[in-house]
């Protein structure tokens, strides 16, 4: 996602903000994934229960799916 955001910002015409937003969104997803993985592995090593679902993770996944769908529609219609 970060790479795609860079391509959009660098080579897209008039889409610097869209590309920068994708890069920042990718960064947030990576930070969240690293934190969730750390929590999961710590609990797993202690033999504890799996962590509960992350609202942030679900919201981010849904947002990314919507952005991907919108981009696919745009690419197919232009």
N, C-alpha and C. Protein backbone atom coordinates (compact mmCIF):
# COMPACT_ATOMS: atom_id res chain seq x y z
N UNK A 1 0.81 -1.18 0.00
CA UNK A 1 0.00 0.00 0.00
C UNK A 1 0.85 1.25 0.00
N UNK A 2 1.91 1.21 0.77
CA UNK A 2 2.79 2.38 0.81
C UNK A 2 3.45 2.60 -0.54
N UNK A 3 3.85 1.51 -1.17
CA UNK A 3 4.45 1.61 -2.51
C UNK A 3 3.47 2.15 -3.52
N UNK A 4 2.24 1.67 -3.45
CA UNK A 4 1.22 2.15 -4.38
C UNK A 4 0.94 3.62 -4.13
N UNK A 5 0.89 4.03 -2.87
CA UNK A 5 0.70 5.45 -2.56
C UNK A 5 1.82 6.31 -3.11
N UNK A 6 3.05 5.79 -3.03
CA UNK A 6 4.18 6.53 -3.59
C UNK A 6 4.02 6.69 -5.09
N UNK A 7 3.62 5.62 -5.77
CA UNK A 7 3.44 5.68 -7.23
C UNK A 7 2.35 6.68 -7.58
N UNK A 8 1.25 6.65 -6.84
CA UNK A 8 0.15 7.59 -7.11
C UNK A 8 0.62 9.02 -6.89
N UNK A 9 1.33 9.27 -5.79
CA UNK A 9 1.79 10.63 -5.48
C UNK A 9 2.84 11.11 -6.46
N UNK A 10 3.72 10.22 -6.87
CA UNK A 10 4.85 10.63 -7.71
C UNK A 10 4.48 10.75 -9.18
N UNK A 11 3.66 9.82 -9.67
CA UNK A 11 3.42 9.77 -11.11
C UNK A 11 1.98 10.09 -11.50
N UNK A 12 1.09 10.18 -10.53
CA UNK A 12 -0.29 10.56 -10.84
C UNK A 12 -0.38 12.05 -11.04
N UNK A 13 -1.29 12.46 -11.87
CA UNK A 13 -1.44 13.89 -12.14
C UNK A 13 -2.42 14.49 -11.14
N UNK A 14 -1.95 15.39 -10.32
CA UNK A 14 -2.82 16.07 -9.36
C UNK A 14 -3.29 15.20 -8.23
N UNK A 15 -2.54 14.17 -7.89
CA UNK A 15 -3.02 13.26 -6.85
C UNK A 15 -2.00 13.11 -5.72
N UNK A 16 -1.30 14.16 -5.42
CA UNK A 16 -0.30 14.12 -4.36
C UNK A 16 -0.95 13.79 -3.01
N UNK A 17 -2.08 14.42 -2.70
CA UNK A 17 -2.74 14.17 -1.42
C UNK A 17 -3.26 12.73 -1.33
N UNK A 18 -3.80 12.21 -2.41
CA UNK A 18 -4.29 10.82 -2.39
C UNK A 18 -3.14 9.86 -2.17
N UNK A 19 -2.04 10.08 -2.84
CA UNK A 19 -0.87 9.21 -2.68
C UNK A 19 -0.28 9.31 -1.29
N UNK A 20 -0.15 10.52 -0.78
CA UNK A 20 0.39 10.71 0.57
C UNK A 20 -0.53 10.07 1.61
N UNK A 21 -1.84 10.16 1.39
CA UNK A 21 -2.79 9.54 2.31
C UNK A 21 -2.63 8.03 2.31
N UNK A 22 -2.41 7.42 1.15
CA UNK A 22 -2.20 5.98 1.07
C UNK A 22 -0.91 5.57 1.78
N UNK A 23 0.12 6.37 1.63
CA UNK A 23 1.38 6.08 2.32
C UNK A 23 1.17 6.14 3.84
N UNK A 24 0.50 7.17 4.31
CA UNK A 24 0.24 7.30 5.75
C UNK A 24 -0.67 6.18 6.26
N UNK A 25 -1.68 5.83 5.47
CA UNK A 25 -2.56 4.74 5.86
C UNK A 25 -1.79 3.42 5.93
N UNK A 26 -0.91 3.20 4.98
CA UNK A 26 -0.07 2.01 5.02
C UNK A 26 0.82 1.98 6.24
N UNK A 27 1.34 3.13 6.61
CA UNK A 27 2.18 3.22 7.79
C UNK A 27 1.38 2.88 9.05
N UNK A 28 0.16 3.40 9.17
CA UNK A 28 -0.68 3.10 10.32
C UNK A 28 -1.01 1.61 10.39
N UNK A 29 -1.30 1.02 9.25
CA UNK A 29 -1.62 -0.42 9.21
C UNK A 29 -0.40 -1.23 9.66
N UNK A 30 0.78 -0.86 9.21
CA UNK A 30 2.00 -1.57 9.62
C UNK A 30 2.25 -1.46 11.11
N UNK A 31 2.07 -0.28 11.66
CA UNK A 31 2.29 -0.07 13.09
C UNK A 31 1.28 -0.90 13.89
N UNK A 32 0.03 -0.87 13.48
CA UNK A 32 -0.99 -1.65 14.17
C UNK A 32 -0.71 -3.15 14.08
N UNK A 33 -0.33 -3.61 12.91
CA UNK A 33 -0.03 -5.03 12.73
C UNK A 33 1.13 -5.46 13.61
N UNK A 34 2.15 -4.64 13.71
CA UNK A 34 3.30 -4.98 14.55
C UNK A 34 2.89 -5.05 16.02
N UNK A 35 2.09 -4.10 16.47
CA UNK A 35 1.64 -4.10 17.86
C UNK A 35 0.74 -5.30 18.14
N UNK A 36 -0.18 -5.60 17.23
CA UNK A 36 -1.08 -6.75 17.42
C UNK A 36 -0.29 -8.05 17.43
N UNK A 37 0.70 -8.15 16.57
CA UNK A 37 1.52 -9.36 16.52
C UNK A 37 2.30 -9.53 17.83
N UNK A 38 2.81 -8.45 18.34
CA UNK A 38 3.56 -8.49 19.59
C UNK A 38 2.67 -8.98 20.74
N UNK A 39 1.47 -8.46 20.82
CA UNK A 39 0.52 -8.87 21.86
C UNK A 39 0.17 -10.34 21.69
N UNK A 40 -0.10 -10.75 20.46
CA UNK A 40 -0.49 -12.13 20.20
C UNK A 40 0.63 -13.10 20.58
N UNK A 41 1.85 -12.81 20.17
CA UNK A 41 2.94 -13.74 20.46
C UNK A 41 3.24 -13.80 21.96
N UNK A 42 3.13 -12.67 22.66
CA UNK A 42 3.35 -12.67 24.11
C UNK A 42 2.31 -13.53 24.81
N UNK A 43 1.05 -13.39 24.42
CA UNK A 43 0.00 -14.21 25.03
C UNK A 43 0.16 -15.67 24.66
N UNK A 44 0.54 -15.94 23.43
CA UNK A 44 0.72 -17.31 22.98
C UNK A 44 1.82 -18.00 23.76
N UNK A 45 2.92 -17.29 23.99
CA UNK A 45 4.04 -17.86 24.73
C UNK A 45 3.67 -18.15 26.19
N UNK A 46 2.79 -17.35 26.75
CA UNK A 46 2.36 -17.57 28.13
C UNK A 46 1.24 -18.61 28.21
N UNK A 47 0.74 -19.06 27.06
CA UNK A 47 -0.35 -20.03 27.04
C UNK A 47 -1.70 -19.42 27.30
N UNK A 48 -1.78 -18.12 27.15
CA UNK A 48 -3.05 -17.41 27.39
C UNK A 48 -3.98 -17.48 26.20
N UNK A 49 -5.12 -16.89 26.38
CA UNK A 49 -6.12 -16.84 25.32
C UNK A 49 -5.67 -15.89 24.22
N UNK A 50 -6.20 -16.15 23.06
CA UNK A 50 -5.90 -15.28 21.92
C UNK A 50 -6.50 -13.90 22.18
N UNK A 51 -5.87 -12.85 21.69
CA UNK A 51 -6.41 -11.50 21.92
C UNK A 51 -7.77 -11.33 21.22
N UNK A 52 -8.57 -10.45 21.75
CA UNK A 52 -9.87 -10.20 21.14
C UNK A 52 -9.70 -9.42 19.85
N UNK A 53 -10.76 -9.38 19.09
CA UNK A 53 -10.71 -8.70 17.80
C UNK A 53 -10.40 -7.22 17.97
N UNK A 54 -9.69 -6.69 17.00
CA UNK A 54 -9.29 -5.30 17.03
C UNK A 54 -10.26 -4.48 16.17
N UNK A 55 -10.93 -3.53 16.79
CA UNK A 55 -11.82 -2.66 16.01
C UNK A 55 -11.02 -1.87 14.99
N UNK A 56 -9.86 -1.40 15.40
CA UNK A 56 -9.01 -0.64 14.47
C UNK A 56 -8.66 -1.49 13.26
N UNK A 57 -8.28 -2.73 13.49
CA UNK A 57 -7.93 -3.63 12.40
C UNK A 57 -9.10 -3.87 11.45
N UNK A 58 -10.28 -4.05 12.01
CA UNK A 58 -11.47 -4.28 11.19
C UNK A 58 -11.82 -3.03 10.39
N UNK A 59 -11.74 -1.88 11.03
CA UNK A 59 -12.03 -0.62 10.33
C UNK A 59 -11.01 -0.38 9.22
N UNK A 60 -9.73 -0.61 9.51
CA UNK A 60 -8.70 -0.40 8.50
C UNK A 60 -8.87 -1.36 7.33
N UNK A 61 -9.14 -2.63 7.61
CA UNK A 61 -9.34 -3.60 6.54
C UNK A 61 -10.54 -3.22 5.68
N UNK A 62 -11.61 -2.77 6.30
CA UNK A 62 -12.79 -2.35 5.56
C UNK A 62 -12.51 -1.11 4.72
N UNK A 63 -11.78 -0.17 5.30
CA UNK A 63 -11.42 1.05 4.57
C UNK A 63 -10.56 0.72 3.36
N UNK A 64 -9.57 -0.14 3.56
CA UNK A 64 -8.69 -0.51 2.46
C UNK A 64 -9.44 -1.27 1.37
N UNK A 65 -10.37 -2.11 1.77
CA UNK A 65 -11.18 -2.83 0.78
C UNK A 65 -12.03 -1.84 -0.03
N UNK A 66 -12.60 -0.85 0.63
CA UNK A 66 -13.40 0.15 -0.07
C UNK A 66 -12.55 0.98 -1.03
N UNK A 67 -11.36 1.36 -0.59
CA UNK A 67 -10.46 2.12 -1.46
C UNK A 67 -10.06 1.26 -2.66
N UNK A 68 -9.73 0.01 -2.41
CA UNK A 68 -9.37 -0.88 -3.51
C UNK A 68 -10.51 -1.06 -4.50
N UNK A 69 -11.72 -1.21 -3.99
CA UNK A 69 -12.88 -1.35 -4.86
C UNK A 69 -13.09 -0.09 -5.69
N UNK A 70 -13.00 1.08 -5.05
CA UNK A 70 -13.17 2.34 -5.77
C UNK A 70 -12.10 2.51 -6.84
N UNK A 71 -10.87 2.13 -6.54
CA UNK A 71 -9.80 2.24 -7.54
C UNK A 71 -10.03 1.28 -8.70
N UNK A 72 -10.50 0.08 -8.41
CA UNK A 72 -10.78 -0.88 -9.48
C UNK A 72 -11.89 -0.37 -10.39
N UNK A 73 -12.93 0.17 -9.79
CA UNK A 73 -14.03 0.74 -10.60
C UNK A 73 -13.52 1.90 -11.44
N UNK A 74 -12.71 2.77 -10.84
CA UNK A 74 -12.16 3.90 -11.58
C UNK A 74 -11.32 3.42 -12.76
N UNK A 75 -10.46 2.45 -12.52
CA UNK A 75 -9.58 1.95 -13.59
C UNK A 75 -10.38 1.29 -14.71
N UNK A 76 -11.47 0.62 -14.37
CA UNK A 76 -12.26 -0.05 -15.40
C UNK A 76 -13.13 0.91 -16.20
N UNK A 77 -13.42 2.08 -15.64
CA UNK A 77 -14.31 3.02 -16.33
C UNK A 77 -13.56 4.18 -17.00
N UNK A 78 -12.26 4.26 -16.81
CA UNK A 78 -11.51 5.38 -17.43
C UNK A 78 -10.43 4.86 -18.32
